Structure formats: structure tokens, C-alpha cells
Amino acid sequence: MGWIADLVAAACGYLLGSISFAVVVSRAMGLADPRSYGSKNPGATNVLRTGSKLAAGLTLAGDAAKGAVAVWLARRYGVPFGVGEFGVALTGFAAFVGHLYPVFFRFQGGKGVATFLGVVLALNPWLGLAACVVWLLIAVFFRYSSLASILAAALTPLFYAFAWGFDGLLVALVAMSVLLVIRHQRNIVNLMAGKERKIGEKANAAPGARH
């Protein structure tokens, strides 16, 4: 009954992914709820608008780590109970979905970039490294975080298919990529209209932000 073990692992992955570090870190540090200002996206970029690089860094690390940890736990403790490689990939996907639609925070989640990278790095370190390199190159040369995220997500399944072929992991990668791009719809519109903010460009600060 391996599929039962896969579903249990995926459910645990979803719950882990539902921990919104942007909200948790902001509350712990006495900052405004990231869903109440700026882009209203509970992610590291929006948390940075408070002026706290520490809070943004902790948010980024936490969101990436929860994706990687979900995959690691599925591999480390799920395999003896019948969780296969598809189940591990499904768990990573579930953690990603948990970040987008967290049950603990009224399903108001982030765009999933850090969690996506964390999941991919844990599933396949070489693929994760390639995704990170794509993100960095686009971010450095074009200075659009959203564009870097969209292209990294879109190219990751292509890299995997070319290097490792077609399997259950590819299905999970495609699903995550599609969802990530969908979550960036507003950014895509802004990019096409020339209104997207570049990295480092000032935006509306959070309430109580330090200047």
C-alpha cells in the first residue's frame, strides 16, 4: 500500500509548507504583518520593505528550508514505510502548495520562489544549482527578481527532462513551475507594461519601517 504512505508523506509536507515564515518572523520581531503592506505577499522581498534585512534573511532561509526538509524527511523516514521516489517528489510538491495556500494562515501564501528552490535542491542538487544559477544571472543582468523567478521556474523542468528524462519527478517539477508562474501573473503584466520594479528600487515601505 505504497500509495497510502505517499499520501501521508504528502500531507505532512503540506503542513510543513504551510508554516509562513514571513508571518512568523514578522510577529516574533514585532514587525507589521507582510500581508498588510507593499505587495501583500508574505515573502522575503516584501518583508525587506520593513527595513529589516535580518527578518528578510530569516524568512528566505525558512521558506527554502521547509521545502528541503520536507523532501529530506520523506526520504529519510518515509522510504521504510513504502514511500517511493514519486512519493518523495509528491511531498516536495505538497510543501510548495502549502506555501502558496497555507492552512494555518487562511490560505494566504506567498509566490513560492524560495520554497521551490529548496524543494528542487533537495530533490536533485545539480538541478537545484542550475535553477539558482539561472535566477542569479537574470537578476544580475536584468535586475528583475520576478523575471528571474519566472525563467528559473520555466527552465527547471526543461533542464531535468534533457538531463534525466521523463518520470514522476518531472511531473512534480512541471506542476510547481506552472503554479509559480501563475502566482506571478501581476508581475508578468507589469513587466510587459514596463512598470515592474527592479531589484533595489524603492517601493512603498511597510508601516513602522526603519529609514
N, C-alpha and C. Protein backbone atom coordinates (compact mmCIF):
# COMPACT_ATOMS: atom_id res chain seq x y z
N MET A 1 0.84 -1.20 0.00
CA MET A 1 0.00 0.00 0.00
C MET A 1 0.87 1.25 0.00
N GLY A 2 1.81 1.27 -0.96
CA GLY A 2 2.73 2.39 -1.00
C GLY A 2 2.05 3.73 -1.23
N TRP A 3 0.92 3.72 -1.94
CA TRP A 3 0.26 4.99 -2.25
C TRP A 3 -0.28 5.65 -1.00
N ILE A 4 -0.65 4.83 0.01
CA ILE A 4 -1.12 5.40 1.28
C ILE A 4 0.04 6.13 1.97
N ALA A 5 1.20 5.48 1.98
CA ALA A 5 2.38 6.11 2.57
C ALA A 5 2.73 7.39 1.83
N ASP A 6 2.61 7.38 0.50
CA ASP A 6 2.88 8.58 -0.29
C ASP A 6 1.95 9.72 0.10
N LEU A 7 0.67 9.39 0.27
CA LEU A 7 -0.31 10.43 0.62
C LEU A 7 -0.08 10.97 2.03
N VAL A 8 0.29 10.10 2.96
CA VAL A 8 0.58 10.55 4.32
C VAL A 8 1.79 11.48 4.32
N ALA A 9 2.83 11.08 3.58
CA ALA A 9 4.03 11.91 3.48
C ALA A 9 3.69 13.27 2.86
N ALA A 10 2.86 13.24 1.81
CA ALA A 10 2.47 14.49 1.14
C ALA A 10 1.68 15.39 2.08
N ALA A 11 0.80 14.79 2.89
CA ALA A 11 0.01 15.58 3.84
C ALA A 11 0.92 16.25 4.86
N CYS A 12 1.93 15.52 5.33
CA CYS A 12 2.90 16.10 6.27
C CYS A 12 3.70 17.21 5.59
N GLY A 13 4.05 16.99 4.32
CA GLY A 13 4.77 18.02 3.57
C GLY A 13 3.95 19.28 3.43
N TYR A 14 2.66 19.11 3.17
CA TYR A 14 1.77 20.28 3.03
C TYR A 14 1.71 21.08 4.34
N LEU A 15 1.59 20.37 5.46
CA LEU A 15 1.52 21.06 6.76
C LEU A 15 2.82 21.80 7.05
N LEU A 16 3.95 21.19 6.72
CA LEU A 16 5.23 21.85 6.93
C LEU A 16 5.34 23.08 6.03
N GLY A 17 4.91 22.93 4.78
CA GLY A 17 4.95 24.05 3.85
C GLY A 17 4.02 25.18 4.25
N SER A 18 3.00 24.86 5.03
CA SER A 18 2.01 25.87 5.44
C SER A 18 2.53 26.81 6.52
N ILE A 19 3.72 26.55 7.03
CA ILE A 19 4.32 27.47 8.01
C ILE A 19 4.85 28.68 7.24
N SER A 20 4.19 29.80 7.39
CA SER A 20 4.59 31.02 6.68
C SER A 20 5.64 31.76 7.49
N PHE A 21 6.90 31.62 7.11
CA PHE A 21 7.97 32.24 7.88
C PHE A 21 7.92 33.76 7.80
N ALA A 22 7.37 34.31 6.74
CA ALA A 22 7.24 35.77 6.65
C ALA A 22 6.37 36.28 7.79
N VAL A 23 5.28 35.58 8.05
CA VAL A 23 4.37 35.99 9.12
C VAL A 23 4.96 35.66 10.48
N VAL A 24 5.51 34.46 10.63
CA VAL A 24 6.07 34.03 11.91
C VAL A 24 7.23 34.93 12.34
N VAL A 25 8.16 35.16 11.42
CA VAL A 25 9.32 36.00 11.74
C VAL A 25 8.89 37.43 12.04
N SER A 26 7.95 37.96 11.26
CA SER A 26 7.48 39.33 11.48
C SER A 26 6.83 39.48 12.85
N ARG A 27 6.03 38.51 13.23
CA ARG A 27 5.40 38.56 14.55
C ARG A 27 6.44 38.47 15.65
N ALA A 28 7.40 37.57 15.49
CA ALA A 28 8.43 37.38 16.51
C ALA A 28 9.29 38.62 16.69
N MET A 29 9.49 39.38 15.60
CA MET A 29 10.35 40.56 15.66
C MET A 29 9.55 41.85 15.81
N GLY A 30 8.26 41.74 16.03
CA GLY A 30 7.43 42.92 16.26
C GLY A 30 7.21 43.76 15.03
N LEU A 31 7.24 43.15 13.84
CA LEU A 31 7.05 43.88 12.59
C LEU A 31 5.61 43.73 12.11
N ALA A 32 5.23 44.57 11.16
CA ALA A 32 3.87 44.51 10.61
C ALA A 32 3.66 43.22 9.84
N ASP A 33 2.43 42.77 9.78
CA ASP A 33 2.08 41.58 9.00
C ASP A 33 2.39 41.85 7.53
N PRO A 34 3.22 41.04 6.88
CA PRO A 34 3.59 41.30 5.49
C PRO A 34 2.42 41.24 4.52
N ARG A 35 1.29 40.71 4.97
CA ARG A 35 0.10 40.67 4.11
C ARG A 35 -0.68 41.98 4.16
N SER A 36 -0.16 42.95 4.92
CA SER A 36 -0.90 44.22 5.09
C SER A 36 -0.24 45.41 4.41
N TYR A 37 0.89 45.21 3.71
CA TYR A 37 1.58 46.34 3.09
C TYR A 37 2.29 45.89 1.82
N GLY A 38 2.79 46.87 1.08
CA GLY A 38 3.56 46.56 -0.13
C GLY A 38 2.77 45.72 -1.11
N SER A 39 3.37 44.62 -1.53
CA SER A 39 2.71 43.70 -2.47
C SER A 39 1.71 42.80 -1.77
N LYS A 40 1.70 42.85 -0.43
CA LYS A 40 0.85 41.99 0.41
C LYS A 40 1.23 40.51 0.25
N ASN A 41 2.42 40.27 -0.24
CA ASN A 41 2.91 38.91 -0.43
C ASN A 41 3.77 38.51 0.77
N PRO A 42 3.41 37.44 1.47
CA PRO A 42 4.22 37.01 2.62
C PRO A 42 5.48 36.29 2.16
N GLY A 43 6.45 37.07 1.75
CA GLY A 43 7.71 36.53 1.29
C GLY A 43 8.85 37.44 1.69
N ALA A 44 10.08 36.99 1.45
CA ALA A 44 11.25 37.73 1.90
C ALA A 44 11.35 39.12 1.28
N THR A 45 11.03 39.24 -0.01
CA THR A 45 11.14 40.54 -0.69
C THR A 45 10.23 41.58 -0.04
N ASN A 46 9.00 41.17 0.28
CA ASN A 46 8.08 42.12 0.91
C ASN A 46 8.50 42.43 2.34
N VAL A 47 8.99 41.43 3.06
CA VAL A 47 9.45 41.66 4.43
C VAL A 47 10.60 42.65 4.45
N LEU A 48 11.41 42.64 3.41
CA LEU A 48 12.55 43.57 3.33
C LEU A 48 12.09 45.01 3.34
N ARG A 49 10.85 45.27 2.95
CA ARG A 49 10.34 46.64 2.94
C ARG A 49 10.20 47.22 4.35
N THR A 50 10.29 46.37 5.37
CA THR A 50 10.27 46.87 6.74
C THR A 50 11.60 47.53 7.09
N GLY A 51 12.61 47.27 6.27
CA GLY A 51 13.94 47.78 6.56
C GLY A 51 14.80 46.81 7.33
N SER A 52 14.23 45.66 7.70
CA SER A 52 14.98 44.67 8.46
C SER A 52 15.53 43.59 7.53
N LYS A 53 16.83 43.66 7.26
CA LYS A 53 17.47 42.65 6.43
C LYS A 53 17.52 41.31 7.16
N LEU A 54 17.61 41.36 8.48
CA LEU A 54 17.63 40.13 9.26
C LEU A 54 16.32 39.38 9.11
N ALA A 55 15.21 40.10 9.22
CA ALA A 55 13.89 39.47 9.09
C ALA A 55 13.71 38.88 7.69
N ALA A 56 14.14 39.63 6.68
CA ALA A 56 14.03 39.14 5.31
C ALA A 56 14.90 37.91 5.09
N GLY A 57 16.11 37.93 5.65
CA GLY A 57 17.01 36.80 5.52
C GLY A 57 16.47 35.55 6.20
N LEU A 58 15.91 35.73 7.39
CA LEU A 58 15.32 34.60 8.12
C LEU A 58 14.12 34.04 7.37
N THR A 59 13.34 34.92 6.78
CA THR A 59 12.18 34.49 6.00
C THR A 59 12.62 33.68 4.80
N LEU A 60 13.61 34.18 4.08
CA LEU A 60 14.13 33.48 2.90
C LEU A 60 14.67 32.10 3.28
N ALA A 61 15.48 32.06 4.34
CA ALA A 61 16.07 30.79 4.77
C ALA A 61 15.00 29.81 5.23
N GLY A 62 14.02 30.31 5.98
CA GLY A 62 12.96 29.43 6.48
C GLY A 62 12.11 28.86 5.37
N ASP A 63 11.74 29.70 4.41
CA ASP A 63 10.89 29.25 3.31
C ASP A 63 11.61 28.23 2.43
N ALA A 64 12.90 28.44 2.21
CA ALA A 64 13.67 27.47 1.43
C ALA A 64 13.88 26.18 2.21
N ALA A 65 14.19 26.33 3.49
CA ALA A 65 14.48 25.16 4.32
C ALA A 65 13.27 24.23 4.48
N LYS A 66 12.08 24.81 4.61
CA LYS A 66 10.92 23.94 4.83
C LYS A 66 10.66 23.05 3.62
N GLY A 67 10.94 23.55 2.41
CA GLY A 67 10.80 22.71 1.23
C GLY A 67 11.82 21.61 1.20
N ALA A 68 13.07 21.97 1.52
CA ALA A 68 14.15 20.97 1.53
C ALA A 68 13.94 19.95 2.64
N VAL A 69 13.53 20.41 3.81
CA VAL A 69 13.32 19.50 4.94
C VAL A 69 12.18 18.52 4.66
N ALA A 70 11.12 18.98 4.02
CA ALA A 70 10.00 18.10 3.69
C ALA A 70 10.47 16.94 2.81
N VAL A 71 11.29 17.25 1.82
CA VAL A 71 11.83 16.21 0.94
C VAL A 71 12.77 15.29 1.70
N TRP A 72 13.64 15.86 2.52
CA TRP A 72 14.60 15.07 3.29
C TRP A 72 13.88 14.11 4.24
N LEU A 73 12.87 14.61 4.93
CA LEU A 73 12.13 13.77 5.87
C LEU A 73 11.43 12.61 5.14
N ALA A 74 10.88 12.90 3.97
CA ALA A 74 10.20 11.86 3.21
C ALA A 74 11.17 10.76 2.81
N ARG A 75 12.37 11.16 2.42
CA ARG A 75 13.39 10.19 2.02
C ARG A 75 13.94 9.43 3.23
N ARG A 76 14.20 10.17 4.30
CA ARG A 76 14.86 9.58 5.47
C ARG A 76 13.94 8.66 6.25
N TYR A 77 12.70 9.08 6.43
CA TYR A 77 11.80 8.31 7.29
C TYR A 77 10.64 7.66 6.54
N GLY A 78 10.37 8.10 5.32
CA GLY A 78 9.24 7.55 4.59
C GLY A 78 9.53 6.29 3.82
N VAL A 79 10.76 6.17 3.31
CA VAL A 79 11.11 5.01 2.48
C VAL A 79 10.86 3.68 3.19
N PRO A 80 11.24 3.54 4.48
CA PRO A 80 10.97 2.26 5.17
C PRO A 80 9.49 1.92 5.25
N PHE A 81 8.63 2.91 5.10
CA PHE A 81 7.18 2.68 5.16
C PHE A 81 6.56 2.59 3.77
N GLY A 82 7.39 2.57 2.74
CA GLY A 82 6.88 2.38 1.39
C GLY A 82 6.79 3.62 0.53
N VAL A 83 7.33 4.75 1.02
CA VAL A 83 7.32 5.97 0.21
C VAL A 83 8.39 5.84 -0.89
N GLY A 84 7.96 5.89 -2.14
CA GLY A 84 8.89 5.78 -3.25
C GLY A 84 9.36 7.14 -3.73
N GLU A 85 10.11 7.16 -4.82
CA GLU A 85 10.63 8.42 -5.34
C GLU A 85 9.50 9.35 -5.78
N PHE A 86 8.43 8.77 -6.34
CA PHE A 86 7.29 9.62 -6.70
C PHE A 86 6.68 10.23 -5.45
N GLY A 87 6.60 9.43 -4.37
CA GLY A 87 6.06 9.94 -3.12
C GLY A 87 6.91 11.05 -2.55
N VAL A 88 8.23 10.94 -2.70
CA VAL A 88 9.14 11.99 -2.24
C VAL A 88 8.91 13.27 -3.05
N ALA A 89 8.79 13.11 -4.38
CA ALA A 89 8.52 14.27 -5.23
C ALA A 89 7.16 14.88 -4.90
N LEU A 90 6.18 14.02 -4.63
CA LEU A 90 4.84 14.49 -4.26
C LEU A 90 4.88 15.27 -2.96
N THR A 91 5.70 14.83 -2.02
CA THR A 91 5.85 15.52 -0.74
C THR A 91 6.44 16.91 -0.95
N GLY A 92 7.45 17.01 -1.82
CA GLY A 92 8.02 18.31 -2.13
C GLY A 92 7.00 19.23 -2.77
N PHE A 93 6.24 18.69 -3.69
CA PHE A 93 5.19 19.47 -4.35
C PHE A 93 4.16 19.94 -3.32
N ALA A 94 3.79 19.05 -2.40
CA ALA A 94 2.80 19.40 -1.37
C ALA A 94 3.32 20.51 -0.46
N ALA A 95 4.61 20.47 -0.14
CA ALA A 95 5.20 21.54 0.68
C ALA A 95 5.13 22.87 -0.06
N PHE A 96 5.38 22.83 -1.35
CA PHE A 96 5.29 24.03 -2.19
C PHE A 96 3.87 24.57 -2.21
N VAL A 97 2.89 23.69 -2.38
CA VAL A 97 1.48 24.10 -2.36
C VAL A 97 1.11 24.66 -1.00
N GLY A 98 1.67 24.06 0.05
CA GLY A 98 1.41 24.57 1.40
C GLY A 98 1.88 26.01 1.56
N HIS A 99 3.00 26.34 0.93
CA HIS A 99 3.48 27.71 1.00
C HIS A 99 2.54 28.66 0.25
N LEU A 100 2.03 28.22 -0.90
CA LEU A 100 1.13 29.07 -1.67
C LEU A 100 -0.22 29.24 -0.99
N TYR A 101 -0.71 28.15 -0.39
CA TYR A 101 -2.05 28.15 0.22
C TYR A 101 -1.96 27.54 1.62
N PRO A 102 -1.37 28.26 2.58
CA PRO A 102 -1.13 27.71 3.93
C PRO A 102 -2.41 27.59 4.75
N VAL A 103 -2.66 26.39 5.23
CA VAL A 103 -3.87 26.15 6.01
C VAL A 103 -3.84 26.92 7.33
N PHE A 104 -2.65 27.21 7.85
CA PHE A 104 -2.53 27.91 9.14
C PHE A 104 -2.73 29.42 9.02
N PHE A 105 -2.73 29.95 7.80
CA PHE A 105 -2.81 31.39 7.61
C PHE A 105 -3.89 31.76 6.59
N ARG A 106 -5.05 31.13 6.72
CA ARG A 106 -6.22 31.44 5.89
C ARG A 106 -5.92 31.31 4.40
N PHE A 107 -5.00 30.43 4.07
CA PHE A 107 -4.65 30.13 2.68
C PHE A 107 -4.09 31.34 1.93
N GLN A 108 -3.57 32.31 2.69
CA GLN A 108 -2.95 33.49 2.09
C GLN A 108 -1.43 33.30 2.09
N GLY A 109 -0.90 32.73 1.03
CA GLY A 109 0.52 32.41 0.98
C GLY A 109 1.31 33.27 0.03
N GLY A 110 2.58 32.91 -0.13
CA GLY A 110 3.48 33.66 -0.98
C GLY A 110 3.53 33.14 -2.40
N LYS A 111 4.54 33.58 -3.12
CA LYS A 111 4.66 33.20 -4.53
C LYS A 111 5.48 31.93 -4.73
N GLY A 112 6.19 31.52 -3.69
CA GLY A 112 6.79 30.19 -3.70
C GLY A 112 8.19 30.06 -4.24
N VAL A 113 8.88 31.16 -4.51
CA VAL A 113 10.19 31.06 -5.15
C VAL A 113 11.20 30.35 -4.25
N ALA A 114 11.35 30.80 -3.01
CA ALA A 114 12.32 30.20 -2.11
C ALA A 114 11.99 28.74 -1.83
N THR A 115 10.71 28.45 -1.61
CA THR A 115 10.31 27.07 -1.34
C THR A 115 10.53 26.19 -2.56
N PHE A 116 10.26 26.71 -3.74
CA PHE A 116 10.51 25.99 -4.99
C PHE A 116 11.98 25.60 -5.08
N LEU A 117 12.87 26.57 -4.86
CA LEU A 117 14.30 26.29 -4.93
C LEU A 117 14.74 25.31 -3.86
N GLY A 118 14.17 25.42 -2.67
CA GLY A 118 14.51 24.48 -1.59
C GLY A 118 14.11 23.06 -1.93
N VAL A 119 12.92 22.91 -2.49
CA VAL A 119 12.43 21.58 -2.88
C VAL A 119 13.31 21.00 -3.99
N VAL A 120 13.59 21.80 -5.00
CA VAL A 120 14.39 21.31 -6.14
C VAL A 120 15.80 20.95 -5.70
N LEU A 121 16.41 21.76 -4.85
CA LEU A 121 17.75 21.46 -4.36
C LEU A 121 17.78 20.13 -3.60
N ALA A 122 16.74 19.85 -2.84
CA ALA A 122 16.69 18.60 -2.07
C ALA A 122 16.39 17.40 -2.97
N LEU A 123 15.54 17.60 -3.97
CA LEU A 123 15.20 16.50 -4.88
C LEU A 123 16.38 16.13 -5.77
N ASN A 124 17.06 17.16 -6.29
CA ASN A 124 18.17 16.95 -7.21
C ASN A 124 19.12 18.14 -7.07
N PRO A 125 20.19 18.00 -6.28
CA PRO A 125 21.09 19.14 -6.02
C PRO A 125 21.64 19.80 -7.28
N TRP A 126 22.00 19.01 -8.29
CA TRP A 126 22.54 19.60 -9.52
C TRP A 126 21.49 20.43 -10.24
N LEU A 127 20.27 19.92 -10.26
CA LEU A 127 19.18 20.66 -10.89
C LEU A 127 18.89 21.93 -10.10
N GLY A 128 18.90 21.82 -8.77
CA GLY A 128 18.67 22.99 -7.93
C GLY A 128 19.74 24.04 -8.13
N LEU A 129 20.99 23.60 -8.27
CA LEU A 129 22.08 24.52 -8.51
C LEU A 129 21.88 25.24 -9.85
N ALA A 130 21.46 24.50 -10.87
CA ALA A 130 21.21 25.11 -12.18
C ALA A 130 20.11 26.16 -12.09
N ALA A 131 19.04 25.86 -11.33
CA ALA A 131 17.94 26.81 -11.16
C ALA A 131 18.42 28.08 -10.45
N CYS A 132 19.27 27.90 -9.43
CA CYS A 132 19.80 29.05 -8.70
C CYS A 132 20.69 29.91 -9.59
N VAL A 133 21.49 29.27 -10.44
CA VAL A 133 22.37 29.99 -11.35
C VAL A 133 21.56 30.82 -12.34
N VAL A 134 20.48 30.22 -12.87
CA VAL A 134 19.61 30.95 -13.79
C VAL A 134 19.03 32.17 -13.09
N TRP A 135 18.54 31.96 -11.88
CA TRP A 135 17.95 33.08 -11.13
C TRP A 135 18.97 34.20 -10.93
N LEU A 136 20.18 33.84 -10.51
CA LEU A 136 21.20 34.84 -10.24
C LEU A 136 21.61 35.60 -11.50
N LEU A 137 21.79 34.88 -12.60
CA LEU A 137 22.21 35.52 -13.84
C LEU A 137 21.16 36.52 -14.33
N ILE A 138 19.90 36.11 -14.32
CA ILE A 138 18.83 37.01 -14.77
C ILE A 138 18.69 38.19 -13.83
N ALA A 139 18.79 37.93 -12.53
CA ALA A 139 18.66 39.00 -11.54
C ALA A 139 19.78 40.02 -11.67
N VAL A 140 21.00 39.54 -11.89
CA VAL A 140 22.16 40.44 -12.00
C VAL A 140 22.11 41.27 -13.28
N PHE A 141 21.77 40.63 -14.39
CA PHE A 141 21.82 41.34 -15.68
C PHE A 141 20.59 42.19 -15.95
N PHE A 142 19.43 41.75 -15.48
CA PHE A 142 18.20 42.49 -15.78
C PHE A 142 17.60 43.19 -14.56
N ARG A 143 18.02 42.77 -13.36
CA ARG A 143 17.60 43.39 -12.10
C ARG A 143 16.10 43.28 -11.85
N TYR A 144 15.48 42.24 -12.37
CA TYR A 144 14.08 41.97 -12.08
C TYR A 144 13.99 40.63 -11.35
N SER A 145 13.63 40.69 -10.08
CA SER A 145 13.51 39.46 -9.30
C SER A 145 12.41 38.56 -9.86
N SER A 146 11.30 39.16 -10.27
CA SER A 146 10.18 38.39 -10.79
C SER A 146 10.56 37.67 -12.09
N LEU A 147 11.25 38.38 -12.97
CA LEU A 147 11.67 37.77 -14.24
C LEU A 147 12.64 36.62 -13.98
N ALA A 148 13.55 36.81 -13.04
CA ALA A 148 14.50 35.76 -12.68
C ALA A 148 13.76 34.53 -12.16
N SER A 149 12.75 34.76 -11.33
CA SER A 149 11.99 33.65 -10.75
C SER A 149 11.19 32.90 -11.82
N ILE A 150 10.55 33.64 -12.70
CA ILE A 150 9.73 33.04 -13.75
C ILE A 150 10.59 32.18 -14.68
N LEU A 151 11.73 32.73 -15.11
CA LEU A 151 12.58 32.00 -16.04
C LEU A 151 13.22 30.79 -15.37
N ALA A 152 13.62 30.93 -14.11
CA ALA A 152 14.21 29.80 -13.39
C ALA A 152 13.19 28.67 -13.26
N ALA A 153 11.96 29.04 -12.96
CA ALA A 153 10.90 28.02 -12.82
C ALA A 153 10.58 27.37 -14.15
N ALA A 154 10.53 28.17 -15.21
CA ALA A 154 10.18 27.64 -16.53
C ALA A 154 11.26 26.72 -17.09
N LEU A 155 12.53 27.05 -16.82
CA LEU A 155 13.63 26.29 -17.38
C LEU A 155 13.96 25.02 -16.58
N THR A 156 13.63 25.00 -15.31
CA THR A 156 13.98 23.85 -14.47
C THR A 156 13.44 22.53 -15.00
N PRO A 157 12.15 22.42 -15.35
CA PRO A 157 11.66 21.14 -15.91
C PRO A 157 12.34 20.78 -17.23
N LEU A 158 12.68 21.78 -18.03
CA LEU A 158 13.35 21.52 -19.30
C LEU A 158 14.75 20.95 -19.06
N PHE A 159 15.46 21.54 -18.09
CA PHE A 159 16.78 21.02 -17.74
C PHE A 159 16.68 19.56 -17.30
N TYR A 160 15.68 19.29 -16.45
CA TYR A 160 15.54 17.93 -15.92
C TYR A 160 15.21 16.94 -17.03
N ALA A 161 14.27 17.30 -17.90
CA ALA A 161 13.88 16.40 -19.00
C ALA A 161 15.06 16.11 -19.91
N PHE A 162 15.88 17.14 -20.17
CA PHE A 162 17.03 16.96 -21.05
C PHE A 162 18.09 16.06 -20.43
N ALA A 163 18.34 16.25 -19.12
CA ALA A 163 19.44 15.53 -18.46
C ALA A 163 19.03 14.19 -17.86
N TRP A 164 17.79 14.10 -17.37
CA TRP A 164 17.39 12.88 -16.65
C TRP A 164 16.17 12.17 -17.24
N GLY A 165 15.52 12.76 -18.21
CA GLY A 165 14.41 12.08 -18.86
C GLY A 165 13.07 12.38 -18.24
N PHE A 166 12.10 11.54 -18.56
CA PHE A 166 10.71 11.76 -18.14
C PHE A 166 10.34 10.75 -17.05
N ASP A 167 9.90 11.27 -15.90
CA ASP A 167 9.47 10.40 -14.82
C ASP A 167 8.54 11.19 -13.89
N GLY A 168 8.25 10.61 -12.73
CA GLY A 168 7.35 11.26 -11.80
C GLY A 168 7.87 12.57 -11.27
N LEU A 169 9.18 12.67 -11.11
CA LEU A 169 9.75 13.92 -10.62
C LEU A 169 9.50 15.06 -11.61
N LEU A 170 9.58 14.75 -12.89
CA LEU A 170 9.32 15.78 -13.91
C LEU A 170 7.89 16.30 -13.80
N VAL A 171 6.96 15.41 -13.51
CA VAL A 171 5.56 15.83 -13.34
C VAL A 171 5.44 16.84 -12.20
N ALA A 172 6.10 16.55 -11.08
CA ALA A 172 6.07 17.46 -9.93
C ALA A 172 6.72 18.79 -10.28
N LEU A 173 7.83 18.75 -11.01
CA LEU A 173 8.53 19.98 -11.39
C LEU A 173 7.67 20.85 -12.30
N VAL A 174 7.01 20.22 -13.27
CA VAL A 174 6.15 20.97 -14.18
C VAL A 174 5.00 21.61 -13.41
N ALA A 175 4.40 20.86 -12.50
CA ALA A 175 3.27 21.37 -11.72
C ALA A 175 3.69 22.57 -10.87
N MET A 176 4.86 22.46 -10.22
CA MET A 176 5.34 23.58 -9.41
C MET A 176 5.65 24.79 -10.27
N SER A 177 6.26 24.56 -11.42
CA SER A 177 6.61 25.66 -12.31
C SER A 177 5.38 26.41 -12.80
N VAL A 178 4.37 25.65 -13.18
CA VAL A 178 3.12 26.26 -13.67
C VAL A 178 2.49 27.11 -12.57
N LEU A 179 2.41 26.57 -11.36
CA LEU A 179 1.81 27.31 -10.25
C LEU A 179 2.62 28.57 -9.93
N LEU A 180 3.94 28.45 -9.96
CA LEU A 180 4.78 29.62 -9.66
C LEU A 180 4.58 30.72 -10.69
N VAL A 181 4.50 30.35 -11.95
CA VAL A 181 4.27 31.35 -12.99
C VAL A 181 2.90 32.00 -12.82
N ILE A 182 1.89 31.19 -12.50
CA ILE A 182 0.54 31.72 -12.28
C ILE A 182 0.54 32.73 -11.14
N ARG A 183 1.31 32.44 -10.08
CA ARG A 183 1.37 33.35 -8.94
C ARG A 183 2.07 34.67 -9.30
N HIS A 184 2.78 34.69 -10.42
CA HIS A 184 3.46 35.90 -10.86
C HIS A 184 2.71 36.61 -11.98
N GLN A 185 1.42 36.35 -12.11
CA GLN A 185 0.65 36.96 -13.20
C GLN A 185 0.73 38.48 -13.18
N ARG A 186 0.57 39.06 -12.01
CA ARG A 186 0.61 40.53 -11.91
C ARG A 186 1.99 41.05 -12.31
N ASN A 187 3.04 40.33 -11.90
CA ASN A 187 4.39 40.74 -12.27
C ASN A 187 4.60 40.67 -13.78
N ILE A 188 4.02 39.64 -14.41
CA ILE A 188 4.14 39.49 -15.86
C ILE A 188 3.49 40.69 -16.56
N VAL A 189 2.32 41.07 -16.08
CA VAL A 189 1.62 42.23 -16.65
C VAL A 189 2.47 43.49 -16.48
N ASN A 190 3.04 43.66 -15.29
CA ASN A 190 3.87 44.84 -15.04
C ASN A 190 5.14 44.83 -15.89
N LEU A 191 5.72 43.65 -16.08
CA LEU A 191 6.91 43.54 -16.93
C LEU A 191 6.60 43.96 -18.36
N MET A 192 5.47 43.49 -18.86
CA MET A 192 5.08 43.81 -20.24
C MET A 192 4.75 45.30 -20.40
N ALA A 193 4.28 45.91 -19.31
CA ALA A 193 3.92 47.33 -19.37
C ALA A 193 5.09 48.24 -18.97
N GLY A 194 6.21 47.62 -18.59
CA GLY A 194 7.36 48.41 -18.18
C GLY A 194 7.20 49.04 -16.81
N LYS A 195 6.34 48.47 -15.98
CA LYS A 195 6.06 49.05 -14.67
C LYS A 195 6.62 48.22 -13.51
N GLU A 196 7.26 47.11 -13.83
CA GLU A 196 7.79 46.25 -12.77
C GLU A 196 8.98 46.91 -12.09
N ARG A 197 9.00 46.86 -10.75
CA ARG A 197 10.11 47.45 -10.00
C ARG A 197 11.34 46.57 -10.11
N LYS A 198 12.48 47.21 -10.23
CA LYS A 198 13.74 46.48 -10.29
C LYS A 198 14.27 46.23 -8.89
N ILE A 199 15.19 45.30 -8.79
CA ILE A 199 15.81 44.99 -7.50
C ILE A 199 16.51 46.23 -6.98
N GLY A 200 16.20 46.59 -5.73
CA GLY A 200 16.82 47.77 -5.12
C GLY A 200 16.04 49.04 -5.33
N GLU A 201 15.03 49.00 -6.22
CA GLU A 201 14.22 50.19 -6.46
C GLU A 201 13.26 50.38 -5.31
N LYS A 202 13.14 51.63 -4.87
CA LYS A 202 12.31 51.91 -3.71
C LYS A 202 10.83 51.70 -4.02
N ALA A 203 10.13 51.18 -3.02
CA ALA A 203 8.68 50.98 -3.12
C ALA A 203 8.06 51.47 -1.83
N ASN A 204 6.73 51.36 -1.74
CA ASN A 204 6.05 51.78 -0.51
C ASN A 204 6.56 50.95 0.66
N ALA A 205 7.01 51.60 1.69
CA ALA A 205 7.55 50.91 2.85
C ALA A 205 6.44 50.35 3.71
N ALA A 206 6.81 49.43 4.57
CA ALA A 206 5.84 48.85 5.50
C ALA A 206 5.57 49.83 6.63
N PRO A 207 4.40 49.71 7.30
CA PRO A 207 4.13 50.55 8.43
C PRO A 207 5.20 50.36 9.52
N GLY A 208 5.72 51.43 10.00
CA GLY A 208 6.73 51.34 11.04
C GLY A 208 8.10 50.95 10.54
N ALA A 209 8.31 50.99 9.23
CA ALA A 209 9.61 50.61 8.67
C ALA A 209 10.68 51.60 9.12
N ARG A 210 11.90 51.07 9.26
CA ARG A 210 13.02 51.90 9.68
C ARG A 210 13.65 52.57 8.47
N HIS A 211 13.96 53.83 8.55
CA HIS A 211 14.57 54.58 7.44
C HIS A 211 15.95 55.05 7.85
